[in-house]
Amino acid sequence: MAGASNGTTNFLDGDSVTFTNTGAAAVSLNSQTRTATRVVFAAGSSGKYITTGVLRIGSGGIQFYDGNPGTPVRCSVELTADSDFTRWATAGSMNLSGAIDTKGYVATFRNQVGYRFYIDGALRGAGAVLCTRHNPINSQTWITGQSDFTGYFRNAYETLLTGSGAFKAAGDIRLTEGYGFTVGDDGAMADDESATFGRLTNSATIRMFGAAFHLRGGVATTERIATLHLAEGLDSVMANEGYAAPRGPCAWPDSSATPPVAASFRRPRPTTIWAV
C-alpha cells in the first residue's frame, strides 16, 4: 500500500492502494473521504473490506484478484474519472454493497468467466454504467440496488436487474453482443404509470443489437417503457413468470408468458424477431 502500511486507514490522497493477506480485515475510513488513484485487492486478500466513509476512485479503478472476495467494498464510492471495477479471479462470487456515484463519469463493471458479480448498492450520478466480461461464457452481473443514475446503461453479457433492483432514471438502455438483459424475479411488480412503477422508468428506450430482453415476474407483473428499438441482428423478447429469487439458481422454468411488455416497436431495417 503506497503511503501507508497495509490494513491501516491512513492512506493519503492520490495513493495507489493494494490489500494483501496481512493487516486488519476491516479497513475503516472513519466516516471521512479518501481519494485513491487505484485500489487492488490482491490474491490472498479474502475477507478484507473497506467500510465507513467515502472512497473517491480515479482512472485505475478497483481491481479484484482474490477468488473468495466476499464484500470487499462496503463504503460509498465516488468516481473522479472513468473507472473499471474488475474481477480478475477465476473462482468465487463477489458483491459491492456501497452506493456508487458516477459523478458524470463512466463506471464499467467487468467480470471473469463463469462467476457472479453482485452490485447491491445504488448506482447514482449522471454518468453511464457498462457491464462487460473477459470471456463470453456464463458470466453474470446481478444488480439489486435502487439506482437513479441518469446516464445510459449498456450490457455486453448476461445482466440481471432483480431483487429490489431498479433503474429509476436511466432512459437509454443498450443491449449488445448477443447477450441478455433480465428484468425481474419470482415476485409480482406492477406498473400502472401513476401510483406504482416497475423496475424501469416509463420513459426508457431499450435499444437491442442482436440481444435478448427477458421480463420475469408473477402474474400481476407489468413493465412499461417508451420504445423498444430493434436494430440489426437476431433479437428476442421473452416474458415469463416464476423466475428464481436473487442469488438462487438461474432457472428458466416452462411457464406461461403472462407479464406483458408495454412498448412500441421501430425497425430501421428488416429484422428477425423471436418472441418466446
C-alpha atoms as a PDB file:
ATOM      1  CA  MET A   1       0.000   0.000   0.000  1.00  0.00           C
ATOM      2  CA  ALA A   2       1.611   3.233  -1.082  1.00  0.00           C
ATOM      3  CA  GLY A   3       1.852   5.892   1.598  1.00  0.00           C
ATOM      4  CA  ALA A   4       0.852   3.599   4.472  1.00  0.00           C
ATOM      5  CA  SER A   5       1.266   0.059   5.721  1.00  0.00           C
ATOM      6  CA  ASN A   6      -1.326  -2.488   4.627  1.00  0.00           C
ATOM      7  CA  GLY A   7      -4.548  -2.552   6.637  1.00  0.00           C
ATOM      8  CA  THR A   8      -4.413   0.990   8.038  1.00  0.00           C
ATOM      9  CA  THR A   9      -6.947   3.744   7.454  1.00  0.00           C
ATOM     10  CA  ASN A  10      -4.303   6.370   6.755  1.00  0.00           C
ATOM     11  CA  PHE A  11      -3.577   6.069   3.066  1.00  0.00           C
ATOM     12  CA  LEU A  12      -3.072   9.521   1.626  1.00  0.00           C
ATOM     13  CA  ASP A  13      -4.918  11.222  -1.189  1.00  0.00           C
ATOM     14  CA  GLY A  14      -3.533  10.124  -4.539  1.00  0.00           C
ATOM     15  CA  ASP A  15      -2.225   6.776  -3.334  1.00  0.00           C
ATOM     16  CA  SER A  16      -2.370   3.541  -5.275  1.00  0.00           C
ATOM     17  CA  VAL A  17      -3.578   1.133  -2.596  1.00  0.00           C
ATOM     18  CA  THR A  18      -3.029  -2.649  -2.511  1.00  0.00           C
ATOM     19  CA  PHE A  19      -4.558  -5.015   0.037  1.00  0.00           C
ATOM     20  CA  THR A  20      -2.822  -8.374   0.602  1.00  0.00           C
ATOM     21  CA  ASN A  21      -3.152 -11.129   3.223  1.00  0.00           C
ATOM     22  CA  THR A  22      -1.721  -9.037   6.087  1.00  0.00           C
ATOM     23  CA  GLY A  23      -3.196  -6.376   8.332  1.00  0.00           C
ATOM     24  CA  ALA A  24      -6.685  -5.853   9.690  1.00  0.00           C
ATOM     25  CA  ALA A  25      -9.683  -7.316   7.865  1.00  0.00           C
ATOM     26  CA  ALA A  26     -11.876  -4.215   8.195  1.00  0.00           C
ATOM     27  CA  VAL A  27     -10.360  -1.002   6.881  1.00  0.00           C
ATOM     28  CA  SER A  28     -12.474   1.896   8.134  1.00  0.00           C
ATOM     29  CA  LEU A  29     -12.315   5.320   6.526  1.00  0.00           C
ATOM     30  CA  ASN A  30     -13.569   6.707   9.844  1.00  0.00           C
ATOM     31  CA  SER A  31     -16.521   8.469   8.173  1.00  0.00           C
ATOM     32  CA  GLN A  32     -14.095  10.570   6.139  1.00  0.00           C
ATOM     33  CA  THR A  33     -13.492  10.950   2.400  1.00  0.00           C
ATOM     34  CA  ARG A  34     -10.286   9.458   0.971  1.00  0.00           C
ATOM     35  CA  THR A  35      -9.018   9.556  -2.616  1.00  0.00           C
ATOM     36  CA  ALA A  36      -7.049   6.833  -4.374  1.00  0.00           C
ATOM     37  CA  THR A  37      -5.941   6.601  -7.979  1.00  0.00           C
ATOM     38  CA  ARG A  38      -6.318   2.807  -7.855  1.00  0.00           C
ATOM     39  CA  VAL A  39      -7.277   0.124  -5.329  1.00  0.00           C
ATOM     40  CA  VAL A  40      -6.212  -3.524  -5.690  1.00  0.00           C
ATOM     41  CA  PHE A  41      -7.433  -6.489  -3.666  1.00  0.00           C
ATOM     42  CA  ALA A  42      -4.621  -8.961  -4.358  1.00  0.00           C
ATOM     43  CA  ALA A  43      -4.844 -12.755  -4.403  1.00  0.00           C
ATOM     44  CA  GLY A  44      -4.989 -13.925  -0.794  1.00  0.00           C
ATOM     45  CA  SER A  45      -6.834 -10.829   0.445  1.00  0.00           C
ATOM     46  CA  SER A  46     -10.020 -12.774   1.171  1.00  0.00           C
ATOM     47  CA  GLY A  47     -12.071 -11.168   3.929  1.00  0.00           C
ATOM     48  CA  LYS A  48     -10.596  -7.673   3.537  1.00  0.00           C
ATOM     49  CA  TYR A  49     -13.063  -4.832   3.086  1.00  0.00           C
ATOM     50  CA  ILE A  50     -13.289  -1.037   3.146  1.00  0.00           C
ATOM     51  CA  THR A  51     -16.089   0.490   5.212  1.00  0.00           C
ATOM     52  CA  THR A  52     -17.492   3.642   6.888  1.00  0.00           C
ATOM     53  CA  GLY A  53     -16.745   6.617   4.693  1.00  0.00           C
ATOM     54  CA  VAL A  54     -16.404   7.700   1.064  1.00  0.00           C
ATOM     55  CA  LEU A  55     -13.749   6.366  -1.297  1.00  0.00           C
ATOM     56  CA  ARG A  56     -13.060   8.610  -4.274  1.00  0.00           C
ATOM     57  CA  ILE A  57     -11.501   6.490  -7.013  1.00  0.00           C
ATOM     58  CA  GLY A  58      -9.538   7.544 -10.100  1.00  0.00           C
ATOM     59  CA  SER A  59      -8.849   6.057 -13.522  1.00  0.00           C
ATOM     60  CA  GLY A  60      -7.112   2.988 -12.088  1.00  0.00           C
ATOM     61  CA  GLY A  61     -10.433   1.779 -10.717  1.00  0.00           C
ATOM     62  CA  ILE A  62     -10.793  -1.087  -8.246  1.00  0.00           C
ATOM     63  CA  GLN A  63      -9.283  -4.451  -9.214  1.00  0.00           C
ATOM     64  CA  PHE A  64     -10.203  -7.733  -7.512  1.00  0.00           C
ATOM     65  CA  TYR A  65      -7.859 -10.752  -7.817  1.00  0.00           C
ATOM     66  CA  ASP A  66      -8.872 -12.898  -4.846  1.00  0.00           C
ATOM     67  CA  GLY A  67     -11.010 -15.976  -5.547  1.00  0.00           C
ATOM     68  CA  ASN A  68     -13.179 -15.538  -2.450  1.00  0.00           C
ATOM     69  CA  PRO A  69     -13.557 -11.779  -2.040  1.00  0.00           C
ATOM     70  CA  GLY A  70     -16.957 -11.656  -0.317  1.00  0.00           C
ATOM     71  CA  THR A  71     -17.991  -8.000   0.058  1.00  0.00           C
ATOM     72  CA  PRO A  72     -14.754  -6.013  -0.286  1.00  0.00           C
ATOM     73  CA  VAL A  73     -16.284  -2.539  -0.799  1.00  0.00           C
ATOM     74  CA  ARG A  74     -18.872  -1.569   1.829  1.00  0.00           C
ATOM     75  CA  CYS A  75     -18.263   2.177   1.808  1.00  0.00           C
ATOM     76  CA  SER A  76     -19.690   4.707  -0.623  1.00  0.00           C
ATOM     77  CA  VAL A  77     -17.683   5.229  -3.804  1.00  0.00           C
ATOM     78  CA  GLU A  78     -17.373   8.346  -5.965  1.00  0.00           C
ATOM     79  CA  LEU A  79     -15.607   8.425  -9.322  1.00  0.00           C
ATOM     80  CA  THR A  80     -13.063  11.110 -10.201  1.00  0.00           C
ATOM     81  CA  ALA A  81     -12.507   9.665 -13.709  1.00  0.00           C
ATOM     82  CA  ASP A  82     -13.848   6.882 -15.933  1.00  0.00           C
ATOM     83  CA  SER A  83     -13.197   3.793 -13.798  1.00  0.00           C
ATOM     84  CA  ASP A  84     -13.311  -0.010 -14.013  1.00  0.00           C
ATOM     85  CA  PHE A  85     -14.454  -2.384 -11.267  1.00  0.00           C
ATOM     86  CA  THR A  86     -12.848  -5.602 -12.493  1.00  0.00           C
ATOM     87  CA  ARG A  87     -12.991  -9.170 -11.155  1.00  0.00           C
ATOM     88  CA  TRP A  88      -9.888 -10.997 -12.379  1.00  0.00           C
ATOM     89  CA  ALA A  89     -10.294 -14.102 -10.191  1.00  0.00           C
ATOM     90  CA  THR A  90     -11.193 -17.453 -11.768  1.00  0.00           C
ATOM     91  CA  ALA A  91     -13.353 -18.560  -8.819  1.00  0.00           C
ATOM     92  CA  GLY A  92     -15.905 -17.239  -6.373  1.00  0.00           C
ATOM     93  CA  SER A  93     -18.623 -14.607  -6.453  1.00  0.00           C
ATOM     94  CA  MET A  94     -18.430 -11.057  -5.145  1.00  0.00           C
ATOM     95  CA  ASN A  95     -20.711  -8.198  -4.212  1.00  0.00           C
ATOM     96  CA  LEU A  96     -20.369  -4.444  -3.758  1.00  0.00           C
ATOM     97  CA  SER A  97     -22.742  -3.110  -1.096  1.00  0.00           C
ATOM     98  CA  GLY A  98     -21.883   0.611  -1.034  1.00  0.00           C
ATOM     99  CA  ALA A  99     -23.546   3.227  -3.231  1.00  0.00           C
ATOM    100  CA  ILE A 100     -21.520   4.158  -6.321  1.00  0.00           C
ATOM    101  CA  ASP A 101     -21.826   7.733  -7.635  1.00  0.00           C
ATOM    102  CA  THR A 102     -20.526   8.102 -11.182  1.00  0.00           C
ATOM    103  CA  LYS A 103     -20.208  11.893 -10.835  1.00  0.00           C
ATOM    104  CA  GLY A 104     -20.720  12.119 -14.593  1.00  0.00           C
ATOM    105  CA  TYR A 105     -18.012   9.571 -15.458  1.00  0.00           C
ATOM    106  CA  VAL A 106     -18.355   6.054 -16.883  1.00  0.00           C
ATOM    107  CA  ALA A 107     -18.456   3.150 -14.411  1.00  0.00           C
ATOM    108  CA  THR A 108     -17.533  -0.165 -16.049  1.00  0.00           C
ATOM    109  CA  PHE A 109     -18.110  -3.474 -14.261  1.00  0.00           C
ATOM    110  CA  ARG A 110     -16.040  -6.323 -15.753  1.00  0.00           C
ATOM    111  CA  ASN A 111     -16.467  -9.943 -14.747  1.00  0.00           C
ATOM    112  CA  GLN A 112     -14.463 -13.148 -15.191  1.00  0.00           C
ATOM    113  CA  VAL A 113     -15.885 -16.185 -16.955  1.00  0.00           C
ATOM    114  CA  GLY A 114     -18.469 -18.267 -15.108  1.00  0.00           C
ATOM    115  CA  TYR A 115     -18.939 -16.285 -11.882  1.00  0.00           C
ATOM    116  CA  ARG A 116     -21.345 -13.738 -10.444  1.00  0.00           C
ATOM    117  CA  PHE A 117     -20.754 -10.088  -9.682  1.00  0.00           C
ATOM    118  CA  TYR A 118     -23.454  -8.614  -7.395  1.00  0.00           C
ATOM    119  CA  ILE A 119     -23.991  -4.848  -7.297  1.00  0.00           C
ATOM    120  CA  ASP A 120     -26.120  -4.351  -4.192  1.00  0.00           C
ATOM    121  CA  GLY A 121     -25.528  -0.624  -3.712  1.00  0.00           C
ATOM    122  CA  ALA A 122     -27.357   2.123  -5.597  1.00  0.00           C
ATOM    123  CA  LEU A 123     -25.814   3.425  -8.830  1.00  0.00           C
ATOM    124  CA  ARG A 124     -26.052   7.214  -8.950  1.00  0.00           C
ATOM    125  CA  GLY A 125     -24.959  10.288 -10.881  1.00  0.00           C
ATOM    126  CA  ALA A 126     -25.087  11.492 -14.479  1.00  0.00           C
ATOM    127  CA  GLY A 127     -22.510   9.042 -15.845  1.00  0.00           C
ATOM    128  CA  ALA A 128     -23.015   5.844 -17.821  1.00  0.00           C
ATOM    129  CA  VAL A 129     -22.937   2.295 -16.450  1.00  0.00           C
ATOM    130  CA  LEU A 130     -21.393  -0.514 -18.536  1.00  0.00           C
ATOM    131  CA  CYS A 131     -21.413  -4.240 -17.744  1.00  0.00           C
ATOM    132  CA  THR A 132     -18.995  -6.401 -19.699  1.00  0.00           C
ATOM    133  CA  ARG A 133     -16.850  -9.543 -19.332  1.00  0.00           C
ATOM    134  CA  HIS A 134     -13.422 -11.041 -20.038  1.00  0.00           C
ATOM    135  CA  ASN A 135     -14.708 -14.179 -21.725  1.00  0.00           C
ATOM    136  CA  PRO A 136     -18.081 -14.816 -23.377  1.00  0.00           C
ATOM    137  CA  ILE A 137     -19.255 -17.785 -21.284  1.00  0.00           C
ATOM    138  CA  ASN A 138     -21.680 -17.711 -18.326  1.00  0.00           C
ATOM    139  CA  SER A 139     -20.509 -14.501 -16.665  1.00  0.00           C
ATOM    140  CA  GLN A 140     -23.303 -12.639 -14.912  1.00  0.00           C
ATOM    141  CA  THR A 141     -23.802  -9.341 -13.146  1.00  0.00           C
ATOM    142  CA  TRP A 142     -26.764  -9.125 -10.741  1.00  0.00           C
ATOM    143  CA  ILE A 143     -27.908  -5.555  -9.995  1.00  0.00           C
ATOM    144  CA  THR A 144     -30.109  -5.393  -6.895  1.00  0.00           C
ATOM    145  CA  GLY A 145     -29.846  -1.764  -5.778  1.00  0.00           C
ATOM    146  CA  GLN A 146     -32.416   1.022  -6.225  1.00  0.00           C
ATOM    147  CA  SER A 147     -30.452   3.043  -8.776  1.00  0.00           C
ATOM    148  CA  ASP A 148     -31.165   6.551 -10.047  1.00  0.00           C
ATOM    149  CA  PHE A 149     -28.200   7.219 -12.355  1.00  0.00           C
ATOM    150  CA  THR A 150     -29.232   9.240 -15.403  1.00  0.00           C
ATOM    151  CA  GLY A 151     -26.610   8.200 -17.955  1.00  0.00           C
ATOM    152  CA  TYR A 152     -27.053   5.332 -20.387  1.00  0.00           C
ATOM    153  CA  PHE A 153     -26.757   1.668 -19.447  1.00  0.00           C
ATOM    154  CA  ARG A 154     -25.058  -0.892 -21.716  1.00  0.00           C
ATOM    155  CA  ASN A 155     -24.575  -4.617 -21.225  1.00  0.00           C
ATOM    156  CA  ALA A 156     -22.176  -6.804 -23.195  1.00  0.00           C
ATOM    157  CA  TYR A 157     -23.004 -10.039 -21.372  1.00  0.00           C
ATOM    158  CA  GLU A 158     -25.694 -11.506 -19.120  1.00  0.00           C
ATOM    159  CA  THR A 159     -27.047  -8.875 -16.719  1.00  0.00           C
ATOM    160  CA  LEU A 160     -29.965  -9.236 -14.300  1.00  0.00           C
ATOM    161  CA  LEU A 161     -31.920  -6.394 -12.700  1.00  0.00           C
ATOM    162  CA  THR A 162     -33.515  -8.333  -9.891  1.00  0.00           C
ATOM    163  CA  GLY A 163     -34.382  -8.421  -6.183  1.00  0.00           C
ATOM    164  CA  SER A 164     -35.006  -4.787  -5.207  1.00  0.00           C
ATOM    165  CA  GLY A 165     -33.097  -3.631  -8.283  1.00  0.00           C
ATOM    166  CA  ALA A 166     -34.484  -0.768 -10.367  1.00  0.00           C
ATOM    167  CA  PHE A 167     -33.285   1.803 -12.892  1.00  0.00           C
ATOM    168  CA  LYS A 168     -35.483   4.743 -11.872  1.00  0.00           C
ATOM    169  CA  ALA A 169     -33.941   7.355 -14.171  1.00  0.00           C
ATOM    170  CA  ALA A 170     -31.837   5.662 -16.888  1.00  0.00           C
ATOM    171  CA  GLY A 171     -33.688   6.476 -20.112  1.00  0.00           C
ATOM    172  CA  ASP A 172     -31.245   4.893 -22.593  1.00  0.00           C
ATOM    173  CA  ILE A 173     -30.655   1.135 -22.246  1.00  0.00           C
ATOM    174  CA  ARG A 174     -28.424  -0.559 -24.842  1.00  0.00           C
ATOM    175  CA  LEU A 175     -28.321  -4.348 -25.151  1.00  0.00           C
ATOM    176  CA  THR A 176     -25.490  -5.709 -27.258  1.00  0.00           C
ATOM    177  CA  GLU A 177     -23.321  -8.624 -28.362  1.00  0.00           C
ATOM    178  CA  GLY A 178     -25.855 -11.432 -28.268  1.00  0.00           C
ATOM    179  CA  TYR A 179     -26.410 -11.473 -24.501  1.00  0.00           C
ATOM    180  CA  GLY A 180     -29.462 -10.967 -22.335  1.00  0.00           C
ATOM    181  CA  PHE A 181     -30.856  -8.350 -20.006  1.00  0.00           C
ATOM    182  CA  THR A 182     -33.272  -9.897 -17.495  1.00  0.00           C
ATOM    183  CA  VAL A 183     -35.656  -7.666 -15.549  1.00  0.00           C
ATOM    184  CA  GLY A 184     -37.476  -9.147 -12.544  1.00  0.00           C
ATOM    185  CA  ASP A 185     -37.604 -12.334 -10.454  1.00  0.00           C
ATOM    186  CA  ASP A 186     -40.357 -14.509  -8.969  1.00  0.00           C
ATOM    187  CA  GLY A 187     -42.318 -11.662  -7.356  1.00  0.00           C
ATOM    188  CA  ALA A 188     -45.037  -9.539  -8.953  1.00  0.00           C
ATOM    189  CA  MET A 189     -44.113  -5.965  -9.933  1.00  0.00           C
ATOM    190  CA  ALA A 190     -46.949  -3.679 -11.011  1.00  0.00           C
ATOM    191  CA  ASP A 191     -46.524  -0.624 -13.237  1.00  0.00           C
ATOM    192  CA  ASP A 192     -49.633   1.496 -13.826  1.00  0.00           C
ATOM    193  CA  GLU A 193     -47.668   4.659 -14.765  1.00  0.00           C
ATOM    194  CA  SER A 194     -49.228   6.675 -11.937  1.00  0.00           C
ATOM    195  CA  ALA A 195     -49.303   5.128  -8.455  1.00  0.00           C
ATOM    196  CA  THR A 196     -46.957   2.193  -8.918  1.00  0.00           C
ATOM    197  CA  PHE A 197     -43.975   1.710 -11.186  1.00  0.00           C
ATOM    198  CA  GLY A 198     -41.853  -1.177 -12.370  1.00  0.00           C
ATOM    199  CA  ARG A 199     -38.093  -1.549 -12.416  1.00  0.00           C
ATOM    200  CA  LEU A 200     -37.514   0.679 -15.453  1.00  0.00           C
ATOM    201  CA  THR A 201     -38.517   4.284 -15.964  1.00  0.00           C
ATOM    202  CA  ASN A 202     -41.600   4.626 -18.180  1.00  0.00           C
ATOM    203  CA  SER A 203     -39.662   6.964 -20.495  1.00  0.00           C
ATOM    204  CA  ALA A 204     -36.926   4.396 -21.171  1.00  0.00           C
ATOM    205  CA  THR A 205     -35.818   3.370 -24.637  1.00  0.00           C
ATOM    206  CA  ILE A 206     -34.322  -0.101 -24.958  1.00  0.00           C
ATOM    207  CA  ARG A 207     -32.047  -0.433 -27.992  1.00  0.00           C
ATOM    208  CA  MET A 208     -31.307  -4.026 -28.992  1.00  0.00           C
ATOM    209  CA  PHE A 209     -28.382  -5.051 -31.185  1.00  0.00           C
ATOM    210  CA  GLY A 210     -28.595  -8.819 -31.601  1.00  0.00           C
ATOM    211  CA  ALA A 211     -29.597  -9.157 -27.950  1.00  0.00           C
ATOM    212  CA  ALA A 212     -32.307 -10.591 -25.676  1.00  0.00           C
ATOM    213  CA  PHE A 213     -34.683  -8.819 -23.302  1.00  0.00           C
ATOM    214  CA  HIS A 214     -36.295 -11.051 -20.636  1.00  0.00           C
ATOM    215  CA  LEU A 215     -39.143  -9.848 -18.417  1.00  0.00           C
ATOM    216  CA  ARG A 216     -39.758 -12.044 -15.355  1.00  0.00           C
ATOM    217  CA  GLY A 217     -42.334 -11.877 -12.611  1.00  0.00           C
ATOM    218  CA  GLY A 218     -45.602 -13.020 -11.128  1.00  0.00           C
ATOM    219  CA  VAL A 219     -48.932 -12.912 -12.924  1.00  0.00           C
ATOM    220  CA  ALA A 220     -49.558  -9.258 -11.988  1.00  0.00           C
ATOM    221  CA  THR A 221     -46.220  -8.057 -13.386  1.00  0.00           C
ATOM    222  CA  THR A 222     -46.140  -5.267 -15.958  1.00  0.00           C
ATOM    223  CA  GLU A 223     -43.217  -3.182 -17.186  1.00  0.00           C
ATOM    224  CA  ARG A 224     -43.971  -0.066 -19.216  1.00  0.00           C
ATOM    225  CA  ILE A 225     -41.348   1.654 -21.349  1.00  0.00           C
ATOM    226  CA  ALA A 226     -41.458   4.205 -24.147  1.00  0.00           C
ATOM    227  CA  THR A 227     -39.689   2.438 -27.020  1.00  0.00           C
ATOM    228  CA  LEU A 228     -38.237  -0.969 -27.796  1.00  0.00           C
ATOM    229  CA  HIS A 229     -35.853  -0.344 -30.670  1.00  0.00           C
ATOM    230  CA  LEU A 230     -34.922  -3.455 -32.682  1.00  0.00           C
ATOM    231  CA  ALA A 231     -31.815  -2.916 -34.760  1.00  0.00           C
ATOM    232  CA  GLU A 232     -29.638  -5.298 -36.742  1.00  0.00           C
ATOM    233  CA  GLY A 233     -29.200  -8.947 -35.826  1.00  0.00           C
ATOM    234  CA  LEU A 234     -31.388 -11.561 -34.160  1.00  0.00           C
ATOM    235  CA  ASP A 235     -33.294 -10.001 -31.257  1.00  0.00           C
ATOM    236  CA  SER A 236     -35.575 -11.832 -28.829  1.00  0.00           C
ATOM    237  CA  VAL A 237     -38.209 -10.628 -26.377  1.00  0.00           C
ATOM    238  CA  MET A 238     -39.388 -13.028 -23.649  1.00  0.00           C
ATOM    239  CA  ALA A 239     -41.963 -12.726 -20.857  1.00  0.00           C
ATOM    240  CA  ASN A 240     -42.205 -15.461 -18.227  1.00  0.00           C
ATOM    241  CA  GLU A 241     -43.437 -15.861 -14.679  1.00  0.00           C
ATOM    242  CA  GLY A 242     -41.675 -17.773 -11.914  1.00  0.00           C
ATOM    243  CA  TYR A 243     -38.061 -16.679 -12.148  1.00  0.00           C
ATOM    244  CA  ALA A 244     -35.614 -17.731  -9.430  1.00  0.00           C
ATOM    245  CA  ALA A 245     -35.015 -15.424  -6.483  1.00  0.00           C
ATOM    246  CA  PRO A 246     -31.827 -13.321  -6.255  1.00  0.00           C
ATOM    247  CA  ARG A 247     -28.704 -15.433  -5.630  1.00  0.00           C
ATOM    248  CA  GLY A 248     -30.673 -18.566  -6.393  1.00  0.00           C
ATOM    249  CA  PRO A 249     -30.033 -20.876  -9.339  1.00  0.00           C
ATOM    250  CA  CYS A 250     -30.583 -19.412 -12.781  1.00  0.00           C
ATOM    251  CA  ALA A 251     -33.651 -21.474 -13.575  1.00  0.00           C
ATOM    252  CA  TRP A 252     -35.710 -20.870 -16.707  1.00  0.00           C
ATOM    253  CA  PRO A 253     -38.961 -22.725 -15.937  1.00  0.00           C
ATOM    254  CA  ASP A 254     -41.525 -23.675 -18.553  1.00  0.00           C
ATOM    255  CA  SER A 255     -44.493 -21.487 -17.682  1.00  0.00           C
ATOM    256  CA  SER A 256     -46.993 -19.274 -19.391  1.00  0.00           C
ATOM    257  CA  ALA A 257     -45.756 -15.899 -20.612  1.00  0.00           C
ATOM    258  CA  THR A 258     -48.133 -13.711 -18.619  1.00  0.00           C
ATOM    259  CA  PRO A 259     -46.316 -10.417 -17.855  1.00  0.00           C
ATOM    260  CA  PRO A 260     -46.916  -8.049 -20.781  1.00  0.00           C
ATOM    261  CA  VAL A 261     -44.242  -5.760 -22.180  1.00  0.00           C
ATOM    262  CA  ALA A 262     -45.963  -2.458 -22.930  1.00  0.00           C
ATOM    263  CA  ALA A 263     -43.848  -0.830 -25.603  1.00  0.00           C
ATOM    264  CA  SER A 264     -43.711   0.490 -29.123  1.00  0.00           C
ATOM    265  CA  PHE A 265     -41.527  -1.010 -31.826  1.00  0.00           C
ATOM    266  CA  ARG A 266     -39.444   0.512 -34.569  1.00  0.00           C
ATOM    267  CA  ARG A 267     -37.494  -1.400 -37.210  1.00  0.00           C
ATOM    268  CA  PRO A 268     -34.992   0.605 -39.229  1.00  0.00           C
ATOM    269  CA  ARG A 269     -34.385  -2.397 -41.491  1.00  0.00           C
ATOM    270  CA  PRO A 270     -35.792  -5.955 -41.859  1.00  0.00           C
ATOM    271  CA  THR A 271     -35.114  -7.875 -38.634  1.00  0.00           C
ATOM    272  CA  THR A 272     -35.989 -11.383 -37.466  1.00  0.00           C
ATOM    273  CA  ILE A 273     -37.660 -11.429 -34.030  1.00  0.00           C
ATOM    274  CA  TRP A 274     -38.107 -14.495 -31.865  1.00  0.00           C
ATOM    275  CA  ALA A 275     -40.802 -13.997 -29.219  1.00  0.00           C
ATOM    276  CA  VAL A 276     -40.672 -16.902 -26.771  1.00  0.00           C
END
